[in-house]
Amino acid sequence: MSKQEFIKRIILSIKEMALGDVKRAMVGGSKMGAFILGSCLIDCLAAFYYGDFSTQKNYKNYIKKFLPQYNPQNFYKDLRCQLVHNYSEGGSYVFKDNKPSEHLKKYKESNKIVINLESFVEELEKIVDDYLKLIIKNDVAYKKALKNIKLSGLLGVVKN
């Protein structure tokens, strides 16, 4: 398969399917589902970026590099672990929607940080677009993506 065909498949998997699912959950009323899928998407991007399996270290480093507005330790523990695996919030965040002016501000009733869903999805769109541009222009990033695909596979939909 050519580089161009691989990139098309990566775009389909990451942008159309993974990010698309986050957006469909958001507009379809599955607000917490959108947050969960968003955290899974970050895990996916970290694995692609580092050319390895998803690991705690890679996830935190990815947050530090591409989403520096978040505390990597808290984000990993509370969104990646607690929310995704326990359907609970670990103590650092309050989840809201349709409140972009409150995004990343302290919640008035606690010391927790507000994550506004629409703002979070915008951040995800940016890191997805930036990553896809990177693998198109940078051979090292492209080779790491291929390495990750060989390790983990690439999600796609089989048509009859």
N, C-alpha and C. Protein backbone atom coordinates (compact mmCIF):
# COMPACT_ATOMS: atom_id res chain seq x y z
N MET A 1 0.84 -1.17 0.00
CA MET A 1 0.00 0.00 0.00
C MET A 1 0.89 1.24 0.00
N SER A 2 0.54 2.22 -0.80
CA SER A 2 1.35 3.43 -0.92
C SER A 2 1.18 4.33 0.31
N LYS A 3 2.11 5.26 0.46
CA LYS A 3 2.05 6.22 1.56
C LYS A 3 0.73 6.99 1.52
N GLN A 4 0.35 7.41 0.34
CA GLN A 4 -0.89 8.17 0.19
C GLN A 4 -2.11 7.35 0.61
N GLU A 5 -2.12 6.07 0.28
CA GLU A 5 -3.24 5.20 0.67
C GLU A 5 -3.26 4.98 2.18
N PHE A 6 -2.08 4.81 2.79
CA PHE A 6 -2.00 4.67 4.24
C PHE A 6 -2.51 5.92 4.94
N ILE A 7 -2.10 7.07 4.46
CA ILE A 7 -2.53 8.33 5.07
C ILE A 7 -4.05 8.48 4.94
N LYS A 8 -4.60 8.11 3.81
CA LYS A 8 -6.06 8.16 3.66
C LYS A 8 -6.75 7.25 4.68
N ARG A 9 -6.19 6.08 4.92
CA ARG A 9 -6.76 5.16 5.91
C ARG A 9 -6.63 5.70 7.32
N ILE A 10 -5.48 6.33 7.61
CA ILE A 10 -5.28 6.92 8.93
C ILE A 10 -6.27 8.07 9.14
N ILE A 11 -6.45 8.90 8.13
CA ILE A 11 -7.41 10.00 8.20
C ILE A 11 -8.82 9.45 8.44
N LEU A 12 -9.19 8.42 7.72
CA LEU A 12 -10.50 7.81 7.90
C LEU A 12 -10.67 7.31 9.33
N SER A 13 -9.66 6.60 9.83
CA SER A 13 -9.74 6.02 11.16
C SER A 13 -9.77 7.09 12.26
N ILE A 14 -8.86 8.05 12.20
CA ILE A 14 -8.74 9.02 13.27
C ILE A 14 -9.75 10.17 13.15
N LYS A 15 -9.83 10.76 11.97
CA LYS A 15 -10.66 11.96 11.85
C LYS A 15 -12.13 11.62 11.63
N GLU A 16 -12.38 10.75 10.68
CA GLU A 16 -13.77 10.45 10.35
C GLU A 16 -14.44 9.55 11.39
N MET A 17 -13.73 8.51 11.81
CA MET A 17 -14.34 7.57 12.74
C MET A 17 -14.20 8.02 14.20
N ALA A 18 -12.97 8.15 14.69
CA ALA A 18 -12.77 8.44 16.11
C ALA A 18 -13.28 9.84 16.48
N LEU A 19 -12.76 10.88 15.83
CA LEU A 19 -13.23 12.23 16.11
C LEU A 19 -14.70 12.37 15.72
N GLY A 20 -15.08 11.75 14.63
CA GLY A 20 -16.48 11.78 14.21
C GLY A 20 -17.40 11.19 15.26
N ASP A 21 -16.98 10.10 15.90
CA ASP A 21 -17.78 9.50 16.96
C ASP A 21 -17.91 10.44 18.17
N VAL A 22 -16.83 11.15 18.50
CA VAL A 22 -16.89 12.13 19.59
C VAL A 22 -17.96 13.18 19.27
N LYS A 23 -17.92 13.70 18.06
CA LYS A 23 -18.88 14.74 17.66
C LYS A 23 -20.30 14.20 17.61
N ARG A 24 -20.48 12.98 17.10
CA ARG A 24 -21.82 12.39 17.04
C ARG A 24 -22.38 12.17 18.45
N ALA A 25 -21.52 11.75 19.37
CA ALA A 25 -21.97 11.57 20.76
C ALA A 25 -22.38 12.92 21.35
N MET A 26 -21.61 13.95 21.08
CA MET A 26 -21.90 15.28 21.61
C MET A 26 -23.26 15.79 21.13
N VAL A 27 -23.48 15.74 19.83
CA VAL A 27 -24.74 16.28 19.30
C VAL A 27 -25.91 15.33 19.51
N GLY A 28 -25.61 14.06 19.74
CA GLY A 28 -26.67 13.07 19.95
C GLY A 28 -27.12 12.97 21.39
N GLY A 29 -26.54 13.77 22.26
CA GLY A 29 -26.97 13.79 23.64
C GLY A 29 -26.19 12.91 24.59
N SER A 30 -25.17 12.22 24.10
CA SER A 30 -24.34 11.39 24.96
C SER A 30 -23.13 12.21 25.41
N LYS A 31 -23.41 13.17 26.29
CA LYS A 31 -22.38 14.13 26.69
C LYS A 31 -21.18 13.44 27.35
N MET A 32 -21.44 12.60 28.34
CA MET A 32 -20.32 11.91 28.99
C MET A 32 -19.67 10.93 28.03
N GLY A 33 -20.45 10.35 27.15
CA GLY A 33 -19.88 9.47 26.13
C GLY A 33 -18.89 10.23 25.26
N ALA A 34 -19.20 11.48 24.94
CA ALA A 34 -18.28 12.30 24.14
C ALA A 34 -16.98 12.56 24.89
N PHE A 35 -17.07 12.83 26.19
CA PHE A 35 -15.85 13.02 26.98
C PHE A 35 -15.02 11.73 27.02
N ILE A 36 -15.70 10.61 27.21
CA ILE A 36 -15.00 9.31 27.26
C ILE A 36 -14.32 9.03 25.93
N LEU A 37 -15.05 9.18 24.84
CA LEU A 37 -14.47 8.94 23.52
C LEU A 37 -13.33 9.93 23.23
N GLY A 38 -13.46 11.14 23.73
CA GLY A 38 -12.38 12.12 23.56
C GLY A 38 -11.10 11.67 24.24
N SER A 39 -11.24 11.12 25.44
CA SER A 39 -10.06 10.61 26.14
C SER A 39 -9.46 9.42 25.39
N CYS A 40 -10.32 8.57 24.85
CA CYS A 40 -9.83 7.43 24.05
C CYS A 40 -9.11 7.93 22.81
N LEU A 41 -9.62 8.97 22.19
CA LEU A 41 -8.98 9.55 21.00
C LEU A 41 -7.58 10.07 21.36
N ILE A 42 -7.45 10.71 22.50
CA ILE A 42 -6.14 11.19 22.93
C ILE A 42 -5.18 10.01 23.11
N ASP A 43 -5.66 8.93 23.70
CA ASP A 43 -4.86 7.71 23.85
C ASP A 43 -4.39 7.21 22.49
N CYS A 44 -5.31 7.20 21.54
CA CYS A 44 -4.99 6.76 20.17
C CYS A 44 -3.92 7.65 19.55
N LEU A 45 -4.10 8.96 19.66
CA LEU A 45 -3.13 9.89 19.07
C LEU A 45 -1.76 9.75 19.73
N ALA A 46 -1.74 9.55 21.04
CA ALA A 46 -0.46 9.37 21.74
C ALA A 46 0.25 8.12 21.23
N ALA A 47 -0.49 7.05 21.04
CA ALA A 47 0.10 5.81 20.54
C ALA A 47 0.66 6.01 19.12
N PHE A 48 -0.08 6.69 18.27
CA PHE A 48 0.40 6.98 16.92
C PHE A 48 1.63 7.88 16.97
N TYR A 49 1.54 8.93 17.77
CA TYR A 49 2.63 9.91 17.82
C TYR A 49 3.94 9.28 18.28
N TYR A 50 3.86 8.41 19.29
CA TYR A 50 5.07 7.79 19.82
C TYR A 50 5.41 6.47 19.14
N GLY A 51 4.53 5.99 18.26
CA GLY A 51 4.82 4.76 17.53
C GLY A 51 4.90 3.54 18.43
N ASP A 52 4.05 3.51 19.41
CA ASP A 52 4.11 2.47 20.42
C ASP A 52 2.69 2.16 20.90
N PHE A 53 2.58 1.18 21.78
CA PHE A 53 1.30 0.92 22.41
C PHE A 53 0.95 2.11 23.31
N SER A 54 -0.31 2.18 23.67
CA SER A 54 -0.74 3.20 24.61
C SER A 54 -0.15 2.90 25.98
N THR A 55 0.52 3.88 26.55
CA THR A 55 1.09 3.72 27.88
C THR A 55 0.79 4.97 28.70
N GLN A 56 0.88 4.84 30.00
CA GLN A 56 0.68 5.98 30.88
C GLN A 56 1.68 7.09 30.55
N LYS A 57 2.92 6.71 30.37
CA LYS A 57 3.97 7.69 30.06
C LYS A 57 3.67 8.43 28.76
N ASN A 58 3.32 7.70 27.71
CA ASN A 58 3.03 8.34 26.43
C ASN A 58 1.81 9.26 26.52
N TYR A 59 0.78 8.81 27.22
CA TYR A 59 -0.43 9.63 27.36
C TYR A 59 -0.09 10.95 28.06
N LYS A 60 0.61 10.87 29.18
CA LYS A 60 0.96 12.08 29.92
C LYS A 60 1.88 13.00 29.11
N ASN A 61 2.86 12.42 28.43
CA ASN A 61 3.75 13.23 27.61
C ASN A 61 3.00 13.89 26.46
N TYR A 62 2.03 13.17 25.90
CA TYR A 62 1.22 13.73 24.82
C TYR A 62 0.41 14.93 25.34
N ILE A 63 -0.20 14.77 26.50
CA ILE A 63 -0.96 15.87 27.10
C ILE A 63 -0.03 17.07 27.33
N LYS A 64 1.12 16.81 27.89
CA LYS A 64 2.09 17.88 28.18
C LYS A 64 2.46 18.64 26.91
N LYS A 65 2.64 17.93 25.83
CA LYS A 65 3.11 18.53 24.58
C LYS A 65 1.98 19.19 23.77
N PHE A 66 0.82 18.53 23.68
CA PHE A 66 -0.22 19.00 22.77
C PHE A 66 -1.45 19.60 23.44
N LEU A 67 -1.63 19.34 24.72
CA LEU A 67 -2.74 19.94 25.47
C LEU A 67 -2.20 20.49 26.79
N PRO A 68 -1.25 21.43 26.70
CA PRO A 68 -0.57 21.90 27.90
C PRO A 68 -1.47 22.66 28.87
N GLN A 69 -2.66 22.99 28.46
CA GLN A 69 -3.61 23.67 29.34
C GLN A 69 -4.13 22.74 30.44
N TYR A 70 -3.85 21.44 30.30
CA TYR A 70 -4.29 20.45 31.29
C TYR A 70 -3.11 19.92 32.08
N ASN A 71 -3.35 19.56 33.32
CA ASN A 71 -2.35 18.91 34.14
C ASN A 71 -2.27 17.45 33.70
N PRO A 72 -1.13 17.00 33.18
CA PRO A 72 -1.04 15.64 32.65
C PRO A 72 -1.40 14.54 33.65
N GLN A 73 -0.94 14.69 34.89
CA GLN A 73 -1.24 13.67 35.91
C GLN A 73 -2.74 13.61 36.21
N ASN A 74 -3.36 14.77 36.43
CA ASN A 74 -4.79 14.81 36.72
C ASN A 74 -5.62 14.33 35.54
N PHE A 75 -5.22 14.77 34.35
CA PHE A 75 -5.97 14.39 33.16
C PHE A 75 -5.90 12.87 32.96
N TYR A 76 -4.73 12.31 33.12
CA TYR A 76 -4.57 10.87 32.98
C TYR A 76 -5.39 10.13 34.03
N LYS A 77 -5.24 10.52 35.28
CA LYS A 77 -5.91 9.82 36.37
C LYS A 77 -7.43 9.98 36.30
N ASP A 78 -7.89 11.20 36.07
CA ASP A 78 -9.32 11.48 36.19
C ASP A 78 -10.12 11.29 34.91
N LEU A 79 -9.53 11.58 33.75
CA LEU A 79 -10.26 11.36 32.50
C LEU A 79 -9.91 10.01 31.88
N ARG A 80 -8.65 9.73 31.78
CA ARG A 80 -8.23 8.49 31.12
C ARG A 80 -8.59 7.26 31.96
N CYS A 81 -8.35 7.33 33.25
CA CYS A 81 -8.58 6.15 34.09
C CYS A 81 -9.96 6.15 34.74
N GLN A 82 -10.25 7.16 35.55
CA GLN A 82 -11.51 7.16 36.29
C GLN A 82 -12.73 7.22 35.37
N LEU A 83 -12.75 8.18 34.47
CA LEU A 83 -13.93 8.35 33.62
C LEU A 83 -14.08 7.18 32.65
N VAL A 84 -13.02 6.83 31.96
CA VAL A 84 -13.10 5.78 30.95
C VAL A 84 -13.36 4.41 31.59
N HIS A 85 -12.68 4.10 32.67
CA HIS A 85 -12.77 2.74 33.22
C HIS A 85 -13.78 2.58 34.35
N ASN A 86 -14.08 3.66 35.07
CA ASN A 86 -14.99 3.55 36.21
C ASN A 86 -16.28 4.34 36.05
N TYR A 87 -16.39 5.08 34.95
CA TYR A 87 -17.52 5.98 34.74
C TYR A 87 -17.72 6.87 35.97
N SER A 88 -16.60 7.43 36.42
CA SER A 88 -16.62 8.34 37.55
C SER A 88 -15.59 9.44 37.30
N GLU A 89 -15.60 10.45 38.14
CA GLU A 89 -14.66 11.56 38.02
C GLU A 89 -13.76 11.52 39.23
N GLY A 90 -12.49 11.62 39.01
CA GLY A 90 -11.52 11.40 40.07
C GLY A 90 -11.23 12.56 40.99
N GLY A 91 -11.84 13.70 40.81
CA GLY A 91 -11.64 14.79 41.77
C GLY A 91 -11.11 16.08 41.21
N SER A 92 -10.71 16.11 39.95
CA SER A 92 -10.08 17.32 39.41
C SER A 92 -11.00 18.16 38.53
N TYR A 93 -12.05 17.55 37.97
CA TYR A 93 -12.81 18.23 36.93
C TYR A 93 -14.31 18.22 37.18
N VAL A 94 -14.96 19.23 36.60
CA VAL A 94 -16.41 19.31 36.50
C VAL A 94 -16.71 19.37 35.01
N PHE A 95 -17.65 18.58 34.55
CA PHE A 95 -17.98 18.52 33.13
C PHE A 95 -19.24 19.32 32.86
N LYS A 96 -19.16 20.17 31.84
CA LYS A 96 -20.31 20.99 31.46
C LYS A 96 -20.41 21.00 29.94
N ASP A 97 -21.56 21.47 29.47
CA ASP A 97 -21.69 21.73 28.04
C ASP A 97 -22.40 23.07 27.86
N ASN A 98 -22.16 23.66 26.71
CA ASN A 98 -22.72 24.96 26.36
C ASN A 98 -22.32 26.07 27.35
N LYS A 99 -21.13 25.94 27.92
CA LYS A 99 -20.60 26.96 28.83
C LYS A 99 -19.15 27.29 28.46
N PRO A 100 -18.90 27.72 27.21
CA PRO A 100 -17.52 27.96 26.79
C PRO A 100 -16.80 29.02 27.63
N SER A 101 -17.53 29.97 28.20
CA SER A 101 -16.88 31.00 29.00
C SER A 101 -16.34 30.45 30.32
N GLU A 102 -16.78 29.26 30.72
CA GLU A 102 -16.31 28.65 31.96
C GLU A 102 -15.19 27.64 31.74
N HIS A 103 -14.87 27.35 30.48
CA HIS A 103 -13.87 26.33 30.16
C HIS A 103 -12.53 26.64 30.81
N LEU A 104 -12.01 25.65 31.54
CA LEU A 104 -10.72 25.67 32.22
C LEU A 104 -10.65 26.67 33.38
N LYS A 105 -11.81 27.11 33.84
CA LYS A 105 -11.87 27.98 35.01
C LYS A 105 -12.26 27.14 36.22
N LYS A 106 -11.99 27.66 37.40
CA LYS A 106 -12.38 26.95 38.62
C LYS A 106 -13.88 27.01 38.78
N TYR A 107 -14.44 25.87 39.12
CA TYR A 107 -15.87 25.78 39.39
C TYR A 107 -16.16 26.51 40.69
N LYS A 108 -17.20 27.30 40.70
CA LYS A 108 -17.47 28.17 41.83
C LYS A 108 -17.74 27.43 43.14
N GLU A 109 -18.18 26.19 43.07
CA GLU A 109 -18.54 25.46 44.29
C GLU A 109 -17.45 24.49 44.76
N SER A 110 -16.35 24.44 44.06
CA SER A 110 -15.27 23.54 44.46
C SER A 110 -13.96 24.06 43.87
N ASN A 111 -12.93 23.33 44.08
CA ASN A 111 -11.63 23.69 43.53
C ASN A 111 -11.39 23.00 42.19
N LYS A 112 -12.41 22.36 41.64
CA LYS A 112 -12.27 21.60 40.40
C LYS A 112 -12.26 22.53 39.20
N ILE A 113 -11.70 22.03 38.12
CA ILE A 113 -11.61 22.77 36.86
C ILE A 113 -12.76 22.35 35.94
N VAL A 114 -13.39 23.33 35.32
CA VAL A 114 -14.48 23.07 34.39
C VAL A 114 -13.91 22.67 33.04
N ILE A 115 -14.44 21.58 32.48
CA ILE A 115 -14.15 21.24 31.09
C ILE A 115 -15.48 21.34 30.35
N ASN A 116 -15.55 22.31 29.46
CA ASN A 116 -16.74 22.50 28.64
C ASN A 116 -16.64 21.60 27.42
N LEU A 117 -17.66 20.83 27.17
CA LEU A 117 -17.62 19.82 26.12
C LEU A 117 -17.28 20.40 24.75
N GLU A 118 -17.97 21.44 24.33
CA GLU A 118 -17.73 22.00 23.00
C GLU A 118 -16.31 22.54 22.86
N SER A 119 -15.79 23.13 23.91
CA SER A 119 -14.41 23.63 23.89
C SER A 119 -13.42 22.46 23.82
N PHE A 120 -13.71 21.41 24.57
CA PHE A 120 -12.88 20.21 24.56
C PHE A 120 -12.85 19.59 23.16
N VAL A 121 -13.99 19.51 22.52
CA VAL A 121 -14.06 18.94 21.16
C VAL A 121 -13.29 19.82 20.18
N GLU A 122 -13.35 21.12 20.33
CA GLU A 122 -12.54 22.02 19.48
C GLU A 122 -11.05 21.74 19.67
N GLU A 123 -10.63 21.52 20.91
CA GLU A 123 -9.23 21.18 21.18
C GLU A 123 -8.86 19.86 20.51
N LEU A 124 -9.76 18.90 20.56
CA LEU A 124 -9.51 17.61 19.91
C LEU A 124 -9.39 17.78 18.40
N GLU A 125 -10.26 18.58 17.81
CA GLU A 125 -10.19 18.82 16.36
C GLU A 125 -8.84 19.40 15.97
N LYS A 126 -8.34 20.32 16.78
CA LYS A 126 -7.05 20.94 16.48
C LYS A 126 -5.92 19.93 16.56
N ILE A 127 -5.88 19.11 17.61
CA ILE A 127 -4.77 18.18 17.72
C ILE A 127 -4.86 17.08 16.67
N VAL A 128 -6.06 16.71 16.26
CA VAL A 128 -6.20 15.74 15.16
C VAL A 128 -5.68 16.35 13.87
N ASP A 129 -6.12 17.55 13.54
CA ASP A 129 -5.67 18.21 12.31
C ASP A 129 -4.16 18.42 12.31
N ASP A 130 -3.62 18.85 13.45
CA ASP A 130 -2.17 19.06 13.54
C ASP A 130 -1.41 17.74 13.35
N TYR A 131 -1.92 16.67 13.92
CA TYR A 131 -1.26 15.37 13.78
C TYR A 131 -1.29 14.90 12.33
N LEU A 132 -2.43 15.03 11.69
CA LEU A 132 -2.54 14.57 10.30
C LEU A 132 -1.62 15.38 9.38
N LYS A 133 -1.49 16.66 9.62
CA LYS A 133 -0.54 17.48 8.85
C LYS A 133 0.89 16.99 9.09
N LEU A 134 1.18 16.64 10.34
CA LEU A 134 2.52 16.19 10.69
C LEU A 134 2.89 14.91 9.95
N ILE A 135 2.00 13.93 9.92
CA ILE A 135 2.37 12.67 9.25
C ILE A 135 2.45 12.81 7.74
N ILE A 136 1.78 13.80 7.20
CA ILE A 136 1.88 14.05 5.76
C ILE A 136 3.24 14.66 5.43
N LYS A 137 3.73 15.57 6.29
CA LYS A 137 4.95 16.32 6.00
C LYS A 137 6.22 15.71 6.58
N ASN A 138 6.09 14.90 7.61
CA ASN A 138 7.26 14.45 8.36
C ASN A 138 7.40 12.93 8.27
N ASP A 139 8.47 12.48 7.64
CA ASP A 139 8.68 11.04 7.45
C ASP A 139 8.85 10.28 8.76
N VAL A 140 9.48 10.90 9.76
CA VAL A 140 9.66 10.24 11.05
C VAL A 140 8.29 10.00 11.70
N ALA A 141 7.45 11.02 11.69
CA ALA A 141 6.10 10.87 12.26
C ALA A 141 5.30 9.83 11.49
N TYR A 142 5.43 9.83 10.18
CA TYR A 142 4.74 8.84 9.35
C TYR A 142 5.21 7.43 9.70
N LYS A 143 6.51 7.24 9.86
CA LYS A 143 7.05 5.91 10.19
C LYS A 143 6.59 5.45 11.57
N LYS A 144 6.47 6.38 12.51
CA LYS A 144 5.95 6.02 13.84
C LYS A 144 4.48 5.61 13.74
N ALA A 145 3.73 6.28 12.88
CA ALA A 145 2.33 5.90 12.67
C ALA A 145 2.25 4.49 12.10
N LEU A 146 3.09 4.19 11.13
CA LEU A 146 3.12 2.84 10.55
C LEU A 146 3.50 1.80 11.59
N LYS A 147 4.46 2.14 12.43
CA LYS A 147 4.87 1.23 13.49
C LYS A 147 3.70 0.94 14.42
N ASN A 148 2.96 1.99 14.77
CA ASN A 148 1.80 1.81 15.64
C ASN A 148 0.73 0.93 14.97
N ILE A 149 0.52 1.14 13.69
CA ILE A 149 -0.46 0.32 12.96
C ILE A 149 -0.05 -1.14 12.97
N LYS A 150 1.24 -1.40 12.81
CA LYS A 150 1.72 -2.79 12.84
C LYS A 150 1.53 -3.41 14.22
N LEU A 151 1.68 -2.61 15.27
CA LEU A 151 1.50 -3.10 16.64
C LEU A 151 0.02 -3.27 17.00
N SER A 152 -0.78 -2.28 16.66
CA SER A 152 -2.15 -2.22 17.17
C SER A 152 -3.24 -2.41 16.13
N GLY A 153 -2.88 -2.28 14.86
CA GLY A 153 -3.90 -2.34 13.83
C GLY A 153 -4.51 -0.97 13.58
N LEU A 154 -5.42 -0.92 12.65
CA LEU A 154 -6.07 0.34 12.29
C LEU A 154 -7.55 0.08 12.12
N LEU A 155 -8.34 0.80 12.86
CA LEU A 155 -9.78 0.62 12.82
C LEU A 155 -10.34 1.04 11.46
N GLY A 156 -11.24 0.26 10.97
CA GLY A 156 -11.92 0.58 9.73
C GLY A 156 -13.21 -0.19 9.66
N VAL A 157 -14.05 0.18 8.75
CA VAL A 157 -15.33 -0.48 8.57
C VAL A 157 -15.26 -1.29 7.28
N VAL A 158 -15.59 -2.55 7.38
CA VAL A 158 -15.57 -3.44 6.21
C VAL A 158 -16.92 -3.31 5.51
N LYS A 159 -16.87 -3.05 4.24
CA LYS A 159 -18.10 -2.97 3.44
C LYS A 159 -18.32 -4.34 2.81
N ASN A 160 -19.50 -4.83 2.95
CA ASN A 160 -19.86 -6.17 2.44
C ASN A 160 -18.84 -6.66 1.51
